[in-house]
N, C-alpha and C. Protein backbone atom coordinates (compact mmCIF):
# COMPACT_ATOMS: atom_id res chain seq x y z
N UNK A 1 106.07 17.85 41.50
CA UNK A 1 107.45 17.64 41.40
C UNK A 1 107.74 16.11 41.43
N UNK A 2 108.85 15.79 40.92
CA UNK A 2 109.29 14.34 40.73
C UNK A 2 110.62 14.10 41.34
N UNK A 3 110.83 13.04 42.09
CA UNK A 3 112.05 12.77 42.80
C UNK A 3 112.36 11.32 42.52
N UNK A 4 113.73 11.00 42.45
CA UNK A 4 114.21 9.64 42.08
C UNK A 4 113.86 8.76 43.31
N UNK A 5 113.49 7.45 43.07
CA UNK A 5 113.19 6.56 44.14
C UNK A 5 114.32 5.56 44.29
N UNK A 6 115.08 5.73 45.33
CA UNK A 6 116.35 4.80 45.52
C UNK A 6 115.98 3.54 45.90
N UNK A 7 116.99 2.45 45.77
CA UNK A 7 116.84 1.21 46.29
C UNK A 7 116.06 0.19 45.55
N UNK A 8 115.59 0.56 44.35
CA UNK A 8 114.76 -0.37 43.47
C UNK A 8 115.59 -0.87 42.43
N UNK A 9 115.55 -2.14 42.04
CA UNK A 9 116.17 -2.75 40.93
C UNK A 9 115.29 -2.20 39.60
N UNK A 10 115.78 -2.47 38.47
CA UNK A 10 115.03 -2.09 37.27
C UNK A 10 113.74 -2.97 37.19
N UNK A 11 112.80 -2.24 36.76
CA UNK A 11 111.43 -2.99 36.69
C UNK A 11 111.00 -3.04 35.27
N UNK A 12 110.36 -4.18 34.89
CA UNK A 12 109.55 -4.29 33.66
C UNK A 12 108.40 -3.44 33.79
N UNK A 13 107.78 -3.07 32.67
CA UNK A 13 106.38 -2.43 32.77
C UNK A 13 105.45 -3.03 33.69
N UNK A 14 105.29 -4.31 33.49
CA UNK A 14 104.26 -5.13 34.31
C UNK A 14 104.63 -5.05 35.73
N UNK A 15 105.98 -5.24 36.10
CA UNK A 15 106.39 -5.19 37.41
C UNK A 15 106.10 -3.76 38.06
N UNK A 16 106.37 -2.72 37.25
CA UNK A 16 106.00 -1.41 37.68
C UNK A 16 104.53 -1.24 37.91
N UNK A 17 103.67 -1.70 37.10
CA UNK A 17 102.27 -1.62 37.37
C UNK A 17 101.85 -2.21 38.67
N UNK A 18 102.36 -3.40 38.82
CA UNK A 18 102.02 -4.26 40.11
C UNK A 18 102.63 -3.53 41.32
N UNK A 19 103.90 -3.06 41.18
CA UNK A 19 104.55 -2.41 42.34
C UNK A 19 103.87 -1.12 42.68
N UNK A 20 103.44 -0.41 41.69
CA UNK A 20 102.85 0.90 42.00
C UNK A 20 101.47 0.77 42.70
N UNK A 21 100.76 -0.26 42.42
CA UNK A 21 99.55 -0.49 43.00
C UNK A 21 99.54 -0.49 44.55
N UNK A 22 100.80 -0.88 45.07
CA UNK A 22 101.07 -0.97 46.50
C UNK A 22 101.58 0.27 47.13
N UNK A 23 101.86 1.30 46.31
CA UNK A 23 102.42 2.62 46.80
C UNK A 23 101.36 3.68 47.21
N UNK A 24 101.81 4.54 48.13
CA UNK A 24 100.91 5.72 48.32
C UNK A 24 101.07 6.74 47.34
N UNK A 25 102.29 7.02 46.80
CA UNK A 25 102.49 8.01 45.77
C UNK A 25 102.46 7.39 44.50
N UNK A 26 102.11 8.27 43.53
CA UNK A 26 102.24 7.96 42.04
C UNK A 26 103.79 8.04 41.68
N UNK A 27 103.98 7.23 40.56
CA UNK A 27 105.51 7.12 40.20
C UNK A 27 105.46 7.11 38.62
N UNK A 28 106.27 7.97 38.06
CA UNK A 28 106.38 7.85 36.57
C UNK A 28 107.58 6.79 36.18
N UNK A 29 107.57 6.30 35.05
CA UNK A 29 108.46 5.13 34.72
C UNK A 29 109.21 5.51 33.48
N UNK A 30 110.56 5.24 33.58
CA UNK A 30 111.41 5.70 32.42
C UNK A 30 112.51 4.56 32.39
N UNK A 31 112.51 3.67 31.34
CA UNK A 31 113.46 2.68 31.05
C UNK A 31 113.81 1.94 32.25
N UNK A 32 112.78 1.37 32.95
CA UNK A 32 112.94 0.55 34.10
C UNK A 32 113.11 1.24 35.46
N UNK A 33 113.26 2.51 35.45
CA UNK A 33 113.41 3.25 36.72
C UNK A 33 112.09 4.02 37.00
N UNK A 34 111.92 4.22 38.29
CA UNK A 34 110.66 4.93 38.70
C UNK A 34 111.04 6.20 39.51
N UNK A 35 110.02 7.23 39.41
CA UNK A 35 110.23 8.44 39.96
C UNK A 35 109.02 8.89 40.68
N UNK A 36 109.11 9.23 41.94
CA UNK A 36 107.92 9.58 42.66
C UNK A 36 107.38 10.87 42.36
N UNK A 37 105.99 11.07 42.32
CA UNK A 37 105.44 12.32 42.10
C UNK A 37 105.01 12.95 43.48
N UNK A 38 105.57 14.09 43.73
CA UNK A 38 105.29 14.71 44.98
C UNK A 38 104.17 15.72 44.81
N UNK A 39 103.54 16.20 46.05
CA UNK A 39 102.36 17.04 45.89
C UNK A 39 102.74 18.35 45.32
N UNK A 40 101.89 19.15 44.67
CA UNK A 40 101.98 20.46 44.13
C UNK A 40 101.26 21.55 45.04
N UNK A 41 101.17 22.69 44.56
CA UNK A 41 100.63 23.83 45.37
C UNK A 41 99.15 23.83 45.24
N UNK A 42 98.50 24.61 46.01
CA UNK A 42 96.98 24.73 45.92
C UNK A 42 96.67 25.51 44.63
N UNK A 43 97.42 26.37 44.15
CA UNK A 43 97.21 26.97 42.85
C UNK A 43 97.29 26.01 41.70
N UNK A 44 98.20 25.20 41.81
CA UNK A 44 98.39 24.15 40.75
C UNK A 44 97.18 23.23 40.71
N UNK A 45 96.74 22.85 42.00
CA UNK A 45 95.55 21.88 42.10
C UNK A 45 94.31 22.54 41.54
N UNK A 46 94.15 23.88 41.89
CA UNK A 46 92.91 24.56 41.56
C UNK A 46 92.87 24.84 39.99
N UNK A 47 93.97 25.20 39.40
CA UNK A 47 94.00 25.40 38.01
C UNK A 47 93.73 24.06 37.29
N UNK A 48 94.32 22.99 37.68
CA UNK A 48 94.04 21.72 37.03
C UNK A 48 92.65 21.21 37.11
N UNK A 49 91.93 21.58 38.29
CA UNK A 49 90.64 21.11 38.37
C UNK A 49 89.69 21.93 37.50
N UNK A 50 90.05 23.28 37.47
CA UNK A 50 89.27 24.11 36.57
C UNK A 50 89.19 23.67 35.14
N UNK A 51 90.48 23.41 34.70
CA UNK A 51 90.65 22.94 33.33
C UNK A 51 89.99 21.72 33.08
N UNK A 52 90.12 20.70 33.95
CA UNK A 52 89.35 19.40 33.71
C UNK A 52 87.85 19.60 33.81
N UNK A 53 87.33 20.49 34.65
CA UNK A 53 85.98 20.71 34.63
C UNK A 53 85.48 21.37 33.33
N UNK A 54 86.10 22.34 32.94
CA UNK A 54 85.74 23.06 31.56
C UNK A 54 85.75 22.01 30.50
N UNK A 55 86.84 21.18 30.39
CA UNK A 55 86.82 20.15 29.28
C UNK A 55 85.80 19.18 29.44
N UNK A 56 85.53 18.60 30.63
CA UNK A 56 84.60 17.55 30.83
C UNK A 56 83.12 18.09 30.54
N UNK A 57 82.78 19.34 30.91
CA UNK A 57 81.55 19.97 30.73
C UNK A 57 81.37 19.98 29.06
N UNK A 58 82.34 20.33 28.40
CA UNK A 58 82.29 20.59 27.00
C UNK A 58 82.26 19.25 26.18
N UNK A 59 82.89 18.15 26.76
CA UNK A 59 83.11 16.92 25.94
C UNK A 59 82.28 15.72 26.64
N UNK A 60 81.50 16.07 27.46
CA UNK A 60 80.67 15.00 28.19
C UNK A 60 80.05 14.08 27.07
N UNK A 61 80.23 12.75 27.24
CA UNK A 61 79.60 11.80 26.27
C UNK A 61 80.44 11.61 25.10
N UNK A 62 81.45 12.41 24.80
CA UNK A 62 82.13 12.22 23.54
C UNK A 62 83.64 11.79 23.78
N UNK A 63 84.35 12.38 24.78
CA UNK A 63 85.72 12.09 24.89
C UNK A 63 85.93 11.90 26.52
N UNK A 64 87.00 11.12 26.79
CA UNK A 64 87.50 10.92 28.19
C UNK A 64 88.36 12.05 28.53
N UNK A 65 88.05 12.71 29.77
CA UNK A 65 88.83 13.74 30.28
C UNK A 65 89.46 13.15 31.64
N UNK A 66 90.78 12.98 31.67
CA UNK A 66 91.45 12.34 32.85
C UNK A 66 92.28 13.32 33.60
N UNK A 67 92.38 13.18 34.95
CA UNK A 67 93.13 14.02 35.74
C UNK A 67 94.51 13.45 35.89
N UNK A 68 95.24 14.04 36.98
CA UNK A 68 96.63 13.68 37.19
C UNK A 68 96.87 12.28 37.86
N UNK A 69 95.76 11.61 38.12
CA UNK A 69 95.83 10.27 38.65
C UNK A 69 95.89 9.25 37.39
N UNK A 70 95.81 9.65 36.14
CA UNK A 70 95.72 8.79 35.04
C UNK A 70 97.09 8.82 34.22
N UNK A 71 97.70 7.66 33.99
CA UNK A 71 98.86 7.69 33.24
C UNK A 71 98.60 7.81 31.77
N UNK A 72 99.63 8.22 31.12
CA UNK A 72 99.69 8.24 29.62
C UNK A 72 100.98 7.40 29.28
N UNK A 73 100.88 6.48 28.33
CA UNK A 73 101.94 5.63 27.89
C UNK A 73 102.48 6.18 26.56
N UNK A 74 103.73 6.46 26.56
CA UNK A 74 104.27 6.99 25.23
C UNK A 74 104.43 5.86 24.33
N UNK A 75 104.64 4.70 24.73
CA UNK A 75 104.42 3.45 24.08
C UNK A 75 103.89 2.35 24.91
N UNK A 76 103.56 1.21 24.47
CA UNK A 76 103.11 0.08 25.23
C UNK A 76 104.14 -0.30 26.29
N UNK A 77 105.42 -0.02 26.11
CA UNK A 77 106.39 -0.30 27.17
C UNK A 77 106.99 0.88 27.88
N UNK A 78 106.30 1.96 27.71
CA UNK A 78 106.79 3.11 28.46
C UNK A 78 107.45 4.16 27.46
N UNK A 79 107.96 5.21 27.99
CA UNK A 79 107.80 5.68 29.35
C UNK A 79 106.23 5.93 29.71
N UNK A 80 105.93 5.88 31.06
CA UNK A 80 104.64 6.11 31.58
C UNK A 80 104.66 7.33 32.46
N UNK A 81 103.86 8.39 32.08
CA UNK A 81 103.86 9.65 32.83
C UNK A 81 102.47 10.08 33.26
N UNK A 82 102.42 11.00 34.16
CA UNK A 82 101.11 11.48 34.70
C UNK A 82 100.96 12.97 34.38
N UNK A 83 100.38 13.22 33.26
CA UNK A 83 100.00 14.60 33.02
C UNK A 83 98.93 15.16 33.92
N UNK A 84 98.92 16.58 34.01
CA UNK A 84 97.81 17.10 34.86
C UNK A 84 96.49 16.93 34.44
N UNK A 85 96.33 17.07 33.15
CA UNK A 85 95.03 16.65 32.49
C UNK A 85 95.19 16.09 31.05
N UNK A 86 94.52 15.14 30.71
CA UNK A 86 94.67 14.57 29.40
C UNK A 86 93.28 14.32 28.86
N UNK A 87 93.12 14.34 27.53
CA UNK A 87 91.82 14.20 26.86
C UNK A 87 92.19 13.16 25.76
N UNK A 88 91.26 12.08 25.73
CA UNK A 88 91.38 11.19 24.66
C UNK A 88 89.96 10.89 24.04
N UNK A 89 89.91 11.00 22.72
CA UNK A 89 88.66 10.75 22.04
C UNK A 89 88.72 9.44 21.25
N UNK A 90 89.75 8.57 21.52
CA UNK A 90 90.00 7.43 20.86
C UNK A 90 89.19 6.21 21.54
N UNK A 91 88.40 5.46 20.87
CA UNK A 91 87.76 4.32 21.34
C UNK A 91 88.66 3.41 22.08
N UNK A 92 89.87 3.23 21.69
CA UNK A 92 90.75 2.28 22.26
C UNK A 92 91.10 2.59 23.72
N UNK A 93 90.97 3.94 23.99
CA UNK A 93 91.32 4.36 25.23
C UNK A 93 90.13 4.29 26.25
N UNK A 94 88.95 4.14 25.74
CA UNK A 94 87.79 4.19 26.59
C UNK A 94 87.66 2.99 27.53
N UNK A 95 88.22 1.87 27.09
CA UNK A 95 88.28 0.61 27.97
C UNK A 95 89.70 0.31 28.50
N UNK A 96 90.57 1.16 28.38
CA UNK A 96 91.96 1.06 28.97
C UNK A 96 92.02 1.04 30.41
N UNK A 97 92.80 0.16 30.98
CA UNK A 97 92.73 -0.10 32.45
C UNK A 97 93.97 0.51 33.12
N UNK A 98 95.15 0.60 32.40
CA UNK A 98 96.33 0.96 33.15
C UNK A 98 96.87 2.36 32.63
N UNK A 99 96.62 2.68 31.29
CA UNK A 99 97.18 3.93 30.80
C UNK A 99 96.43 4.29 29.49
N UNK A 100 96.43 5.63 29.16
CA UNK A 100 96.02 5.98 27.93
C UNK A 100 97.06 6.05 26.90
N UNK A 101 96.81 5.66 25.66
CA UNK A 101 97.87 5.69 24.66
C UNK A 101 97.52 6.68 23.46
N UNK A 102 96.34 7.26 23.38
CA UNK A 102 95.92 8.04 22.21
C UNK A 102 95.41 9.38 22.62
N UNK A 103 95.99 10.15 23.46
CA UNK A 103 95.46 11.43 23.81
C UNK A 103 95.51 12.45 22.72
N UNK A 104 94.56 13.20 22.59
CA UNK A 104 94.63 14.35 21.49
C UNK A 104 95.04 15.66 22.13
N UNK A 105 94.87 15.74 23.45
CA UNK A 105 95.25 17.04 24.18
C UNK A 105 95.82 16.61 25.50
N UNK A 106 96.97 17.30 25.89
CA UNK A 106 97.60 17.18 27.18
C UNK A 106 97.82 18.53 27.82
N UNK A 107 97.57 18.73 29.14
CA UNK A 107 97.70 19.91 29.74
C UNK A 107 98.61 19.71 30.96
N UNK A 108 99.63 20.67 31.13
CA UNK A 108 100.51 20.59 32.36
C UNK A 108 100.36 21.94 32.96
N UNK A 109 100.26 22.01 34.29
CA UNK A 109 100.29 23.33 35.00
C UNK A 109 101.75 23.36 35.46
N UNK A 110 102.48 24.46 35.13
CA UNK A 110 103.92 24.53 35.43
C UNK A 110 104.11 25.42 36.68
N UNK A 111 105.23 24.88 37.37
CA UNK A 111 105.77 25.70 38.47
C UNK A 111 107.19 25.91 38.29
N UNK A 112 107.89 26.71 39.11
CA UNK A 112 109.20 27.05 38.87
C UNK A 112 110.11 25.88 38.80
N UNK A 113 109.86 24.75 39.62
CA UNK A 113 110.73 23.63 39.66
C UNK A 113 110.44 22.66 38.51
N UNK A 114 109.35 22.81 37.76
CA UNK A 114 108.97 21.81 36.71
C UNK A 114 108.97 22.43 35.33
N UNK A 115 109.01 23.79 35.23
CA UNK A 115 108.75 24.41 33.90
C UNK A 115 109.82 23.98 32.83
N UNK A 116 111.07 23.97 33.24
CA UNK A 116 112.08 23.63 32.16
C UNK A 116 111.79 22.25 31.60
N UNK A 117 111.54 21.26 32.57
CA UNK A 117 111.26 19.88 32.07
C UNK A 117 109.99 19.78 31.29
N UNK A 118 109.01 20.48 31.75
CA UNK A 118 107.58 20.43 31.04
C UNK A 118 107.81 20.93 29.66
N UNK A 119 108.65 22.04 29.38
CA UNK A 119 108.69 22.68 28.14
C UNK A 119 109.72 21.93 27.15
N UNK A 120 110.73 21.12 27.81
CA UNK A 120 111.67 20.52 26.97
C UNK A 120 111.64 18.99 27.02
N UNK A 121 112.06 18.35 28.04
CA UNK A 121 112.12 16.93 27.99
C UNK A 121 110.79 16.26 27.96
N UNK A 122 109.81 16.79 28.77
CA UNK A 122 108.57 16.09 28.69
C UNK A 122 107.76 16.39 27.38
N UNK A 123 107.95 17.54 26.80
CA UNK A 123 107.28 17.95 25.60
C UNK A 123 108.02 17.02 24.41
N UNK A 124 109.15 16.79 24.58
CA UNK A 124 109.84 15.76 23.63
C UNK A 124 109.14 14.44 23.70
N UNK A 125 108.95 13.96 24.87
CA UNK A 125 108.19 12.74 24.95
C UNK A 125 106.85 12.74 24.40
N UNK A 126 106.07 13.77 24.73
CA UNK A 126 104.73 13.82 24.13
C UNK A 126 104.67 13.95 22.70
N UNK A 127 105.55 14.53 22.08
CA UNK A 127 105.69 14.72 20.53
C UNK A 127 105.72 13.29 19.93
N UNK A 128 106.12 12.30 20.61
CA UNK A 128 106.22 11.01 20.10
C UNK A 128 104.78 10.33 20.00
N UNK A 129 103.79 10.96 20.60
CA UNK A 129 102.45 10.47 20.50
C UNK A 129 101.85 10.92 19.16
N UNK A 130 101.58 10.02 18.30
CA UNK A 130 101.02 10.44 16.91
C UNK A 130 99.60 11.08 17.09
N UNK A 131 98.88 10.74 18.08
CA UNK A 131 97.56 11.20 18.40
C UNK A 131 97.40 12.62 18.84
N UNK A 132 98.59 13.05 19.56
CA UNK A 132 98.55 14.26 20.20
C UNK A 132 98.50 15.52 19.18
N UNK A 133 97.41 16.36 19.35
CA UNK A 133 97.30 17.55 18.55
C UNK A 133 97.61 18.76 19.25
N UNK A 134 97.50 18.84 20.52
CA UNK A 134 97.77 20.10 21.30
C UNK A 134 98.42 19.75 22.63
N UNK A 135 99.40 20.63 22.96
CA UNK A 135 100.03 20.52 24.35
C UNK A 135 100.06 21.95 24.97
N UNK A 136 99.46 22.00 26.08
CA UNK A 136 99.09 23.23 26.83
C UNK A 136 99.82 23.34 28.07
N UNK A 137 100.68 24.44 28.21
CA UNK A 137 101.39 24.76 29.51
C UNK A 137 100.67 25.93 30.15
N UNK A 138 100.23 25.91 31.51
CA UNK A 138 99.46 26.93 32.16
C UNK A 138 100.35 27.36 33.38
N UNK A 139 100.54 28.66 33.44
CA UNK A 139 101.35 29.18 34.54
C UNK A 139 100.65 29.13 35.81
N UNK A 140 101.37 28.93 36.97
CA UNK A 140 100.81 28.87 38.32
C UNK A 140 101.22 30.19 39.07
N UNK A 141 102.06 31.09 38.46
CA UNK A 141 102.57 32.34 39.06
C UNK A 141 101.83 33.56 38.53
N UNK A 142 101.50 33.40 37.19
CA UNK A 142 100.77 34.56 36.54
C UNK A 142 99.84 34.02 35.52
N UNK A 143 99.01 34.78 34.96
CA UNK A 143 97.95 34.23 33.99
C UNK A 143 98.58 34.11 32.60
N UNK A 144 99.19 32.88 32.26
CA UNK A 144 99.76 32.69 31.02
C UNK A 144 99.29 31.31 30.62
N UNK A 145 98.99 31.09 29.31
CA UNK A 145 98.62 29.89 28.68
C UNK A 145 99.36 29.73 27.40
N UNK A 146 100.24 28.76 27.28
CA UNK A 146 100.98 28.55 25.98
C UNK A 146 100.46 27.24 25.40
N UNK A 147 100.07 27.38 24.14
CA UNK A 147 99.47 26.28 23.36
C UNK A 147 100.35 25.99 22.26
N UNK A 148 100.75 24.73 22.25
CA UNK A 148 101.62 24.16 21.12
C UNK A 148 100.74 23.29 20.45
N UNK A 149 100.53 23.56 19.09
CA UNK A 149 99.62 22.89 18.22
C UNK A 149 100.27 22.29 16.97
N UNK A 150 99.95 20.95 16.71
CA UNK A 150 100.45 20.30 15.56
C UNK A 150 99.56 20.51 14.36
N UNK A 151 100.05 20.95 13.19
CA UNK A 151 99.23 21.21 12.00
C UNK A 151 99.27 19.91 11.26
N UNK A 152 98.60 20.02 10.06
CA UNK A 152 98.39 18.88 9.20
C UNK A 152 99.63 18.28 8.67
N UNK A 153 100.68 19.14 8.57
CA UNK A 153 102.02 18.73 8.07
C UNK A 153 102.79 18.09 9.21
N UNK A 154 102.30 18.05 10.45
CA UNK A 154 103.08 17.55 11.55
C UNK A 154 103.95 18.55 12.13
N UNK A 155 103.86 19.84 11.81
CA UNK A 155 104.67 20.90 12.28
C UNK A 155 104.06 21.50 13.51
N UNK A 156 104.74 21.70 14.55
CA UNK A 156 104.29 22.26 15.84
C UNK A 156 104.35 23.77 15.76
N UNK A 157 103.30 24.47 16.16
CA UNK A 157 103.29 25.93 16.18
C UNK A 157 102.96 26.38 17.58
N UNK A 158 103.28 27.57 17.86
CA UNK A 158 103.27 28.12 19.30
C UNK A 158 102.31 29.27 19.29
N UNK A 159 101.32 29.32 20.22
CA UNK A 159 100.42 30.37 20.38
C UNK A 159 100.41 30.77 21.83
N UNK A 160 100.93 32.00 22.28
CA UNK A 160 100.82 32.30 23.74
C UNK A 160 99.64 33.15 24.00
N UNK A 161 99.09 33.01 25.23
CA UNK A 161 97.90 33.75 25.62
C UNK A 161 98.28 34.33 27.02
N UNK A 162 97.66 35.50 27.26
CA UNK A 162 97.77 36.19 28.53
C UNK A 162 96.45 36.78 29.02
N UNK A 163 96.48 37.47 30.15
CA UNK A 163 95.32 37.97 30.80
C UNK A 163 94.54 38.67 29.77
N UNK A 164 93.19 38.32 29.79
CA UNK A 164 92.08 38.96 29.08
C UNK A 164 91.84 38.19 27.77
N UNK A 165 92.69 37.22 27.43
CA UNK A 165 92.51 36.57 26.14
C UNK A 165 91.45 35.40 26.15
N UNK A 166 90.98 35.12 24.97
CA UNK A 166 90.20 33.87 24.75
C UNK A 166 91.09 32.77 24.21
N UNK A 167 91.08 31.65 24.75
CA UNK A 167 92.02 30.58 24.47
C UNK A 167 91.31 29.60 23.56
N UNK A 168 91.91 29.18 22.42
CA UNK A 168 91.33 28.32 21.46
C UNK A 168 91.98 26.95 21.65
N UNK A 169 91.32 25.88 21.90
CA UNK A 169 91.72 24.53 21.98
C UNK A 169 91.14 23.79 20.73
N UNK A 170 91.92 23.88 19.70
CA UNK A 170 91.32 23.31 18.33
C UNK A 170 91.13 21.94 18.45
N UNK A 171 91.88 21.21 19.19
CA UNK A 171 91.82 19.67 19.23
C UNK A 171 90.55 19.25 19.85
N UNK A 172 89.86 20.12 20.61
CA UNK A 172 88.55 19.66 21.16
C UNK A 172 87.43 20.63 20.89
N UNK A 173 87.67 21.56 20.05
CA UNK A 173 86.67 22.52 19.52
C UNK A 173 86.11 23.46 20.66
N UNK A 174 87.04 23.82 21.52
CA UNK A 174 86.66 24.62 22.66
C UNK A 174 87.45 25.96 22.70
N UNK A 175 86.63 27.12 22.85
CA UNK A 175 87.18 28.42 23.09
C UNK A 175 86.76 28.81 24.48
N UNK A 176 87.76 29.25 25.28
CA UNK A 176 87.41 29.55 26.77
C UNK A 176 88.29 30.75 27.19
N UNK A 177 87.70 31.55 27.95
CA UNK A 177 88.29 32.73 28.64
C UNK A 177 89.44 32.26 29.52
N UNK A 178 90.54 33.03 29.55
CA UNK A 178 91.58 32.72 30.43
C UNK A 178 91.15 32.84 31.90
N UNK A 179 90.25 33.74 32.06
CA UNK A 179 89.75 33.95 33.49
C UNK A 179 88.98 32.79 34.01
N UNK A 180 88.43 31.91 33.13
CA UNK A 180 87.74 30.76 33.65
C UNK A 180 88.61 29.72 34.09
N UNK A 181 89.90 29.73 33.47
CA UNK A 181 90.90 28.68 33.90
C UNK A 181 91.46 29.09 35.33
N UNK A 182 91.55 30.47 35.58
CA UNK A 182 91.99 30.89 36.83
C UNK A 182 90.90 31.35 37.94
N UNK A 183 89.72 30.89 37.58
CA UNK A 183 88.65 31.17 38.53
C UNK A 183 88.94 30.70 39.94
N UNK A 184 88.84 31.63 40.94
CA UNK A 184 89.07 31.24 42.35
C UNK A 184 90.36 30.77 42.61
N UNK A 185 91.39 31.17 41.76
CA UNK A 185 92.80 30.67 42.07
C UNK A 185 93.64 31.79 42.59
N UNK A 186 94.30 31.50 43.64
CA UNK A 186 95.32 32.43 44.31
C UNK A 186 96.66 31.97 43.76
N UNK A 187 97.26 32.86 42.81
CA UNK A 187 98.43 32.40 42.23
C UNK A 187 99.59 32.41 43.30
N UNK A 188 100.63 31.51 42.95
CA UNK A 188 101.71 31.43 43.63
C UNK A 188 102.60 32.65 43.58
N UNK A 189 103.41 33.01 44.64
CA UNK A 189 104.28 34.20 44.56
C UNK A 189 105.34 33.98 43.51
N UNK A 190 105.61 35.13 42.80
CA UNK A 190 106.53 35.08 41.60
C UNK A 190 107.91 34.80 42.15
N UNK A 191 108.61 34.07 41.28
CA UNK A 191 109.98 33.54 41.61
C UNK A 191 110.83 33.90 40.55
N UNK A 192 112.08 33.57 40.64
CA UNK A 192 113.04 33.78 39.50
C UNK A 192 112.73 32.82 38.41
N UNK A 193 112.67 33.45 37.18
CA UNK A 193 112.33 32.57 36.05
C UNK A 193 113.23 31.37 35.85
N UNK A 194 112.72 30.29 35.40
CA UNK A 194 113.41 29.05 35.17
C UNK A 194 113.97 29.03 33.64
N UNK A 195 115.26 28.72 33.50
CA UNK A 195 115.86 28.60 32.14
C UNK A 195 115.27 27.32 31.60
N UNK A 196 114.58 27.60 30.42
CA UNK A 196 113.84 26.50 29.76
C UNK A 196 114.53 25.99 28.41
N UNK A 197 115.86 26.32 28.30
CA UNK A 197 116.51 26.04 27.00
C UNK A 197 116.90 24.59 26.94
N UNK A 198 117.16 23.90 28.12
CA UNK A 198 117.65 22.51 28.11
C UNK A 198 116.65 21.65 27.44
N UNK A 199 117.13 20.75 26.72
CA UNK A 199 116.26 19.77 25.99
C UNK A 199 116.41 18.37 26.43
N UNK A 200 117.16 18.10 27.59
CA UNK A 200 117.32 16.72 28.02
C UNK A 200 116.14 16.22 28.76
N UNK A 201 116.31 14.81 29.18
CA UNK A 201 115.15 14.24 29.94
C UNK A 201 115.46 14.19 31.34
N UNK A 202 116.30 14.86 32.01
CA UNK A 202 116.55 14.77 33.35
C UNK A 202 115.27 15.26 34.14
N UNK A 203 115.06 14.56 35.17
CA UNK A 203 113.90 14.80 36.09
C UNK A 203 114.14 16.13 36.79
N UNK A 204 113.11 16.96 37.07
CA UNK A 204 113.22 18.08 37.85
C UNK A 204 113.52 17.82 39.33
N UNK A 205 114.52 18.55 39.85
CA UNK A 205 114.89 18.28 41.30
C UNK A 205 114.00 19.07 42.21
N UNK A 206 114.01 18.75 43.46
CA UNK A 206 113.24 19.37 44.51
C UNK A 206 113.00 20.79 44.37
């Protein structure tokens, strides 16, 4: 989850990088403002680790697989966000020190408090990345994986997966069973579905 950080003046990107190095929490950056990233559930952490492990095993030596401690920059001046898992196969990102700019795959594990933002506002940001080929949303309450894929014409298509399915991640040439993503995961209790129709960039609240 993400919460506003009060009491700060607007920061330049470089001021943000320097300031965040001194903080205990990670912060996303939007137009000079910063938003603290709070902790997620154990299910969220386990799913993200499983995905990163599967991708790293498959892509070892070819691409960089980065976890939720790694920023992605939508442009050189922001916004700067922290996806749960990102993959970049671009040589320009191999030596990057502050953020990736050219991911081909981004994965977010969604919870009731973040799902609307991940599906709308955050996806709108990620679509600005010309390198991005797939955006994946993974449920933390039930076994669901939604893959959004950009075709050669630049059109995004949607492929939903559920329990028992084999998931294709065309951007990295990987097909994986959904059960592998949820291995040893205790899913969160089901809650009231979140309305995901909003397309604004407001941050999710507590």
